[in-house]
Protein backbone atom coordinates (compact mmCIF):
# COMPACT_ATOMS: atom_id res chain seq x y z
CA MET A 1 40.54 -22.12 -42.59
CA LYS A 2 36.75 -22.06 -43.04
CA ASN A 3 36.61 -25.88 -42.91
CA ILE A 4 38.65 -25.89 -39.69
CA LEU A 5 36.28 -23.42 -38.08
CA ILE A 6 33.25 -25.50 -39.11
CA PHE A 7 34.86 -28.67 -37.73
CA CYS A 8 35.77 -26.98 -34.43
CA SER A 9 32.26 -25.63 -34.08
CA PHE A 10 30.86 -29.13 -34.66
CA VAL A 11 33.13 -30.61 -31.99
CA VAL A 12 32.10 -27.96 -29.47
CA LEU A 13 28.40 -28.54 -30.18
CA PHE A 14 28.85 -32.32 -29.94
CA LEU A 15 30.65 -32.15 -26.60
CA SER A 16 28.19 -29.65 -25.17
CA ALA A 17 25.34 -32.01 -26.08
CA CYS A 18 26.92 -34.78 -24.02
CA ASN A 19 26.60 -34.89 -20.27
CA LEU A 20 30.27 -34.58 -19.40
CA THR A 21 29.83 -32.98 -15.98
CA ARG A 22 30.77 -34.91 -12.88
CA ASP A 23 30.87 -33.91 -9.24
CA VAL A 24 34.32 -34.07 -7.71
CA ASN A 25 34.84 -34.19 -3.96
CA VAL A 26 38.06 -32.58 -2.77
CA ASP A 27 39.22 -33.25 0.77
CA LEU A 28 40.62 -30.01 2.16
CA PRO A 29 42.87 -29.96 5.22
CA ALA A 30 41.46 -28.37 8.35
CA TYR A 31 42.14 -24.65 8.36
CA GLU A 32 43.67 -23.03 11.42
CA SER A 33 42.94 -19.33 11.87
CA GLN A 34 45.97 -17.04 12.10
CA PRO A 35 46.48 -13.56 13.57
CA VAL A 36 46.67 -10.89 10.86
CA VAL A 37 48.64 -7.67 11.39
CA GLU A 38 48.33 -4.51 9.31
CA CYS A 39 50.44 -1.64 10.59
CA TYR A 40 51.34 1.30 8.35
CA LEU A 41 53.48 3.96 10.01
CA GLU A 42 52.52 7.19 8.27
CA PRO A 43 54.60 10.30 9.11
CA GLY A 44 52.53 12.98 10.80
CA LYS A 45 49.82 10.58 11.92
CA PRO A 46 49.42 8.56 15.16
CA PHE A 47 50.87 5.09 15.64
CA ARG A 48 47.99 2.76 14.74
CA LEU A 49 47.55 -0.94 14.02
CA LEU A 50 44.84 -3.36 12.95
CA LEU A 51 44.97 -6.81 14.56
CA SER A 52 42.46 -9.36 13.33
CA LYS A 53 42.21 -13.05 12.49
CA SER A 54 42.08 -14.89 9.18
CA TYR A 55 39.20 -16.95 7.89
CA SER A 56 38.96 -20.05 5.78
CA PHE A 57 37.83 -19.42 2.18
CA PHE A 58 34.56 -21.23 2.93
CA ASP A 59 33.89 -19.76 6.35
CA PRO A 60 30.65 -17.78 6.57
CA LEU A 61 31.63 -14.20 7.35
CA GLY A 62 28.28 -13.04 8.63
CA LEU A 63 28.49 -9.33 7.74
CA ASP A 64 26.28 -8.10 10.55
CA SER A 65 26.73 -5.96 13.66
CA SER A 66 28.82 -8.71 15.30
CA PHE A 67 31.34 -8.96 12.44
CA LEU A 68 33.99 -6.71 14.02
CA ASP A 69 33.67 -8.40 17.40
CA LYS A 70 34.23 -11.79 15.80
CA THR A 71 37.06 -10.62 13.53
CA LEU A 72 39.19 -8.26 15.61
CA LEU A 73 41.71 -9.63 18.11
CA GLN A 74 41.46 -7.65 21.33
CA ASP A 75 43.33 -7.45 24.66
CA ALA A 76 46.81 -7.80 23.18
CA THR A 77 49.87 -5.89 24.39
CA VAL A 78 51.25 -3.86 21.46
CA THR A 79 54.45 -1.78 21.49
CA ILE A 80 56.50 -0.11 18.76
CA SER A 81 60.09 0.89 19.53
CA TYR A 82 62.46 3.30 17.72
CA ASP A 83 65.51 5.41 18.63
CA GLY A 84 65.43 4.18 22.24
CA LYS A 85 61.75 5.10 22.66
CA LYS A 86 58.84 2.74 23.24
CA VAL A 87 55.28 3.58 22.20
CA ASN A 88 52.42 1.63 23.78
CA LEU A 89 49.34 1.23 21.61
CA ALA A 90 46.08 1.04 23.58
CA ASN A 91 43.33 -1.36 22.57
CA GLN A 92 41.27 1.52 21.22
CA PHE A 93 39.19 1.74 18.04
CA SER A 94 39.97 4.55 15.57
CA PHE A 95 39.68 5.25 11.85
CA ASP A 96 40.68 7.49 8.97
CA PRO A 97 37.66 8.74 7.02
CA SER A 98 39.17 9.06 3.52
CA PRO A 99 40.32 6.68 2.30
CA LEU A 100 38.62 4.62 5.00
CA LYS A 101 41.03 2.76 7.30
CA LEU A 102 40.13 1.00 10.54
CA PHE A 103 42.38 0.35 13.55
CA ASN A 104 41.82 -1.33 16.91
CA TYR A 105 45.15 -0.32 18.53
CA THR A 106 46.08 3.36 18.72
CA ALA A 107 48.55 5.68 20.45
CA SER A 108 48.50 9.45 20.83
CA GLU A 109 52.15 9.79 19.75
CA ILE A 110 52.83 10.93 16.17
CA VAL A 111 55.04 9.00 13.74
CA PRO A 112 58.18 11.07 12.96
CA ALA A 113 59.32 11.52 9.36
CA LYS A 114 63.03 10.92 10.05
CA VAL A 115 64.48 8.97 7.13
CA GLY A 116 66.44 5.86 8.07
CA THR A 117 64.66 5.28 11.40
CA THR A 118 64.23 1.59 12.21
CA TYR A 119 60.99 0.56 13.93
CA SER A 120 60.42 -2.67 15.86
CA LEU A 121 56.99 -4.15 16.57
CA GLU A 122 56.22 -6.46 19.51
CA ILE A 123 52.79 -7.98 20.17
CA THR A 124 51.86 -10.37 22.95
CA LEU A 125 48.47 -12.01 22.52
CA PRO A 126 46.23 -12.92 25.50
CA ASP A 127 47.28 -16.58 25.15
CA GLY A 128 50.97 -15.65 25.47
CA ASN A 129 51.90 -16.12 21.82
CA THR A 130 53.94 -13.40 20.15
CA ILE A 131 54.25 -11.39 16.94
CA ALA A 132 57.30 -9.34 15.90
CA GLY A 133 58.47 -7.30 12.95
CA THR A 134 60.86 -4.57 11.83
CA THR A 135 60.77 -1.89 9.14
CA ILE A 136 62.57 1.29 8.11
CA MET A 137 61.47 4.80 7.13
CA LEU A 138 62.35 5.47 3.49
CA PRO A 139 62.74 8.91 1.86
CA LYS A 140 59.72 10.29 0.05
CA VAL A 141 59.91 10.28 -3.75
CA GLU A 142 58.09 13.38 -4.95
CA ILE A 143 55.98 13.85 -8.05
CA ASP A 144 57.83 16.16 -10.46
CA SER A 145 54.94 17.13 -12.70
CA ILE A 146 51.52 16.04 -13.96
CA PRO A 147 51.01 17.41 -17.48
CA ILE A 148 47.47 17.19 -18.90
CA GLN A 149 47.14 16.60 -22.64
CA PHE A 150 43.89 16.72 -24.64
CA SER A 151 43.04 14.48 -27.56
CA ALA A 152 43.23 16.02 -31.04
CA LYS A 153 40.11 14.06 -32.03
CA ASN A 154 38.04 14.95 -28.95
CA ASP A 155 39.09 18.05 -27.04
CA THR A 156 36.85 17.14 -24.08
CA LEU A 157 38.90 14.02 -23.22
CA ALA A 158 42.38 14.21 -21.76
CA ARG A 159 45.19 12.01 -20.60
CA ALA A 160 47.29 12.61 -17.50
CA LEU A 161 50.99 11.88 -17.26
CA MET A 162 53.00 11.73 -14.05
CA TYR A 163 56.78 12.03 -13.80
CA ILE A 164 59.11 11.14 -10.94
CA THR A 165 62.90 11.28 -10.62
CA ASP A 166 64.50 7.97 -9.73
CA ASP A 167 67.75 7.41 -7.82
CA LEU A 168 69.88 5.29 -10.14
CA THR A 169 72.34 4.44 -7.33
CA THR A 170 69.77 2.35 -5.41
CA VAL A 171 67.22 -0.35 -6.18
CA ASP A 172 63.82 1.14 -5.45
CA PHE A 173 60.32 -0.27 -5.26
CA TYR A 174 57.15 1.71 -5.84
CA ARG A 175 53.40 1.47 -5.72
CA ARG A 176 51.62 3.65 -8.26
CA MET A 177 47.92 4.40 -7.68
CA LEU A 178 45.48 6.54 -9.67
CA HIS A 179 41.95 7.38 -8.53
CA TYR A 180 39.23 9.18 -10.43
CA GLY A 181 36.83 11.42 -8.53
CA SER A 182 37.64 10.31 -4.97
CA LEU A 183 40.24 8.39 -2.99
CA ASP A 184 37.40 6.13 -1.79
CA SER A 185 36.69 4.99 -5.35
CA LEU A 186 38.26 1.86 -6.81
CA PRO A 187 41.68 2.74 -8.23
CA GLN A 188 41.93 2.99 -12.01
CA GLN A 189 45.59 2.00 -11.72
CA ASP A 190 47.28 0.11 -8.92
CA PHE A 191 50.53 -1.65 -9.76
CA LEU A 192 54.05 -2.25 -8.46
CA PRO A 193 56.87 -0.84 -10.59
CA THR A 194 60.53 -1.20 -9.70
CA ASP A 195 63.68 0.39 -11.12
CA ARG A 196 65.56 -2.89 -10.81
CA PHE A 197 66.28 -3.00 -14.55
CA SER A 198 65.87 0.69 -15.39
CA THR A 199 68.63 2.96 -16.69
CA GLU A 200 66.45 6.06 -17.01
CA LYS A 201 66.49 8.72 -14.32
CA THR A 202 62.96 9.88 -15.14
CA ILE A 203 60.05 7.44 -14.78
CA ALA A 204 56.73 8.26 -16.42
CA PHE A 205 53.24 6.94 -15.73
CA GLY A 206 50.12 7.81 -17.69
CA THR A 207 46.59 7.17 -18.84
CA GLY A 208 44.80 7.00 -22.16
CA TYR A 209 42.69 9.84 -23.54
CA GLU A 210 39.78 8.93 -21.29
CA ILE A 211 39.41 11.60 -18.59
CA PRO A 212 36.54 14.07 -19.18
CA LEU A 213 37.07 17.80 -18.89
CA GLY A 214 36.29 18.97 -15.36
CA ASP A 215 36.95 15.62 -13.66
CA THR A 216 39.24 15.27 -10.63
CA ILE A 217 42.07 12.73 -10.41
CA PHE A 218 44.42 11.69 -7.60
CA ASN A 219 47.96 10.56 -8.47
CA THR A 220 49.87 8.75 -5.71
CA ILE A 221 53.39 7.34 -5.71
CA PHE A 222 54.51 5.24 -2.73
CA HIS A 223 58.18 4.53 -2.03
CA ILE A 224 58.03 1.07 -0.47
CA THR A 225 60.37 -1.49 1.05
CA PRO A 226 61.14 -4.79 -0.73
CA GLU A 227 59.17 -6.60 2.00
CA TYR A 228 56.05 -4.49 1.37
CA TYR A 229 56.52 -4.99 -2.39
CA ASP A 230 56.62 -8.78 -1.91
CA TYR A 231 53.61 -8.65 0.41
CA LEU A 232 51.48 -6.65 -2.03
CA GLU A 233 52.51 -8.85 -4.95
CA SER A 234 51.62 -12.02 -3.02
CA VAL A 235 48.23 -10.56 -2.02
CA GLN A 236 47.45 -9.80 -5.67
CA LEU A 237 48.46 -13.34 -6.70
CA ALA A 238 46.36 -14.85 -3.90
CA ILE A 239 43.30 -12.89 -5.06
CA GLN A 240 43.81 -14.05 -8.64
CA SER A 241 44.27 -17.72 -7.66
CA SER A 242 41.14 -17.66 -5.48
CA PHE A 243 39.03 -17.16 -8.62
CA ASN A 244 40.64 -20.11 -10.37
CA PRO A 245 39.44 -23.51 -9.05
CA PHE A 246 42.40 -25.23 -10.76
CA GLY A 247 45.01 -22.68 -9.72
CA GLN A 248 47.77 -23.29 -7.22
CA PRO A 249 47.06 -21.53 -3.89
CA SER A 250 49.38 -18.57 -3.43
CA PRO A 251 50.84 -17.95 0.05
CA ILE A 252 51.00 -14.46 1.53
CA LYS A 253 54.58 -13.21 1.97
CA SER A 254 54.51 -11.54 5.39
CA ASN A 255 57.24 -9.64 7.20
CA VAL A 256 55.89 -10.46 10.67
CA THR A 257 56.94 -13.57 12.59
CA GLY A 258 56.33 -15.15 15.98
CA THR A 259 55.01 -18.10 17.92
CA SER A 260 51.43 -17.26 16.87
CA ASN A 261 52.21 -18.03 13.19
CA PRO A 262 51.00 -14.59 12.05
CA LEU A 263 50.28 -13.08 8.65
CA GLY A 264 50.53 -9.46 7.64
CA ILE A 265 52.68 -6.42 7.10
CA PHE A 266 54.51 -3.92 9.29
CA THR A 267 55.83 -1.05 7.20
CA CYS A 268 56.18 2.71 6.82
CA LEU A 269 53.79 4.43 4.44
CA VAL A 270 55.77 7.08 2.58
CA TYR A 271 54.09 8.69 -0.41
CA ASP A 272 53.48 11.82 -2.44
CA ARG A 273 49.97 12.59 -3.69
CA GLU A 274 48.54 15.31 -5.90
CA MET A 275 44.95 16.14 -6.75
CA THR A 276 44.41 17.52 -10.26
CA ILE A 277 41.31 19.02 -11.84
CA ILE A 278 41.24 18.38 -15.59
CA GLU A 279 41.32 21.84 -17.15
CA LYS A 280 42.57 23.33 -20.40
């Protein structure tokens, strides 16, 4: 084994001493910008939507005061229909402070929490092209408990478990998020579990013994549609492939369609969230 390691080290040193680098020119097809829709219907909050445009990977973004003007798509006609009602979203800027969310189309009407409601989105852009989508309001899956357990080796570090009860009669998709300190911080956990192959009624999530005494954590469980699950999964794969120059580009799986060739997601945002202070 020692001889193999010595030989491998010699080969690596020999190759690194040679000038084996070579510039490669890759002809990329011309990129055509697409409308991007992000609309999350959250019960108890106004109907809101973000309509922007996509950029090429190599386009200079120019993060200055003109960024929003260049990125947002304005002057569109946006309506959301449900239960025989039609809500018109005005081209009006709004935001949620924590976690920060921006919108450029807003209505005063509040999203109802009625489970099973089907929502339809219709957007007409200034050039006449269209965007459409549908989604449904799912029931909220509540957090059953969040037990805190301290390490036997270090009683100032704890782990947090989170339990939910799953409906074994349906196939369900979830998004599990965990934040330390603040919802505006980067999530410590953000993944997409599903009960597709599960036979257990109780699903558990947890951390290692890593949370200091006195810290604050935020556990969130989203009950999401299969379309939102596919969208999030494709976004994660696209981010991963963008850092690999030899990777296969990963397309975004959108649930919006139309003559404008749009990207994006139109879905209901149903979740349960609990804040916990780590105490003994």
